[in-house]
C-alpha cells in the first residue's frame, strides 16, 4: 500500500487521460496500415497531424494542473 493519499482526478485530468487513450487507439489503427501506398500517404499524414495536435492539447491540460 502507498502512504500517499489518493485524490480524485479533476475533470481536466480525466479529459487528458481520455484524449491520450483515444490517440493511442487511433495510432494503433494507423500503425496497422503501415506501410501505406503513396496514394494514401497524405491522408495518413493528416491523421497523424491531428493526433499530434490532440496530444499537444492533452499536454496543455496537464500543464495547467501544476
Protein backbone atom coordinates (compact mmCIF):
# COMPACT_ATOMS: atom_id res chain seq x y z
CA UNK A 1 0.00 0.00 0.00
CA UNK A 2 1.07 3.52 -0.71
CA UNK A 3 1.46 6.11 2.02
CA UNK A 4 0.30 8.78 -0.40
CA UNK A 5 -3.33 9.81 -0.14
CA UNK A 6 -5.39 9.18 -3.24
CA UNK A 7 -7.04 12.29 -4.57
CA UNK A 8 -9.85 12.27 -7.07
CA UNK A 9 -8.93 13.24 -10.60
CA UNK A 10 -10.13 16.60 -11.82
CA UNK A 11 -12.35 16.88 -14.87
CA UNK A 12 -9.46 18.23 -16.90
CA UNK A 13 -7.22 15.34 -15.84
CA UNK A 14 -9.91 12.89 -16.90
CA UNK A 15 -10.19 14.75 -20.21
CA UNK A 16 -6.43 14.45 -20.73
CA UNK A 17 -6.49 10.71 -19.98
CA UNK A 18 -9.41 10.17 -22.35
CA UNK A 19 -7.70 12.20 -25.08
CA UNK A 20 -4.47 10.23 -24.73
CA UNK A 21 -6.38 6.95 -24.74
CA UNK A 22 -8.18 7.94 -27.93
CA UNK A 23 -4.93 8.97 -29.57
CA UNK A 24 -3.34 5.64 -28.69
CA UNK A 25 -6.28 3.74 -30.16
CA UNK A 26 -6.10 5.78 -33.37
CA UNK A 27 -2.32 5.43 -33.52
CA UNK A 28 -2.59 1.64 -33.33
CA UNK A 29 -5.04 1.71 -36.22
CA UNK A 30 -2.64 3.84 -38.26
CA UNK A 31 0.30 1.60 -37.39
CA UNK A 32 -1.64 -1.40 -38.70
CA UNK A 33 -1.92 0.36 -42.08
CA UNK A 34 1.84 0.83 -42.45
CA UNK A 35 3.49 0.89 -44.86
CA UNK A 36 0.95 2.92 -46.79
CA UNK A 37 0.81 3.20 -50.56
CA UNK A 38 1.97 6.53 -51.96
CA UNK A 39 -1.60 7.50 -52.87
CA UNK A 40 -2.65 7.14 -49.20
CA UNK A 41 0.34 8.92 -47.65
CA UNK A 42 -1.29 12.37 -47.46
CA UNK A 43 -4.45 11.01 -45.81
CA UNK A 44 -2.46 9.11 -43.19
CA UNK A 45 -0.15 12.09 -42.63
CA UNK A 46 -3.18 14.28 -41.91
CA UNK A 47 -4.42 11.75 -39.37
CA UNK A 48 -1.01 11.82 -37.68
CA UNK A 49 -1.05 15.63 -37.70
CA UNK A 50 -4.45 15.58 -35.97
CA UNK A 51 -3.20 13.10 -33.39
CA UNK A 52 -0.18 15.30 -32.70
CA UNK A 53 -2.49 18.27 -32.12
CA UNK A 54 -4.61 16.24 -29.72
CA UNK A 55 -1.51 15.20 -27.77
CA UNK A 56 -0.46 18.84 -27.60
CA UNK A 57 -3.86 19.72 -26.17
CA UNK A 58 -3.55 16.95 -23.57
CA UNK A 59 -0.10 18.25 -22.63
CA UNK A 60 -1.50 21.76 -22.18
CA UNK A 61 -4.25 20.42 -19.95
CA UNK A 62 -1.71 18.64 -17.77
CA UNK A 63 0.48 21.74 -17.57
CA UNK A 64 -2.40 23.78 -16.19
CA UNK A 65 -2.73 21.29 -13.33
CA UNK A 66 0.60 22.33 -11.82
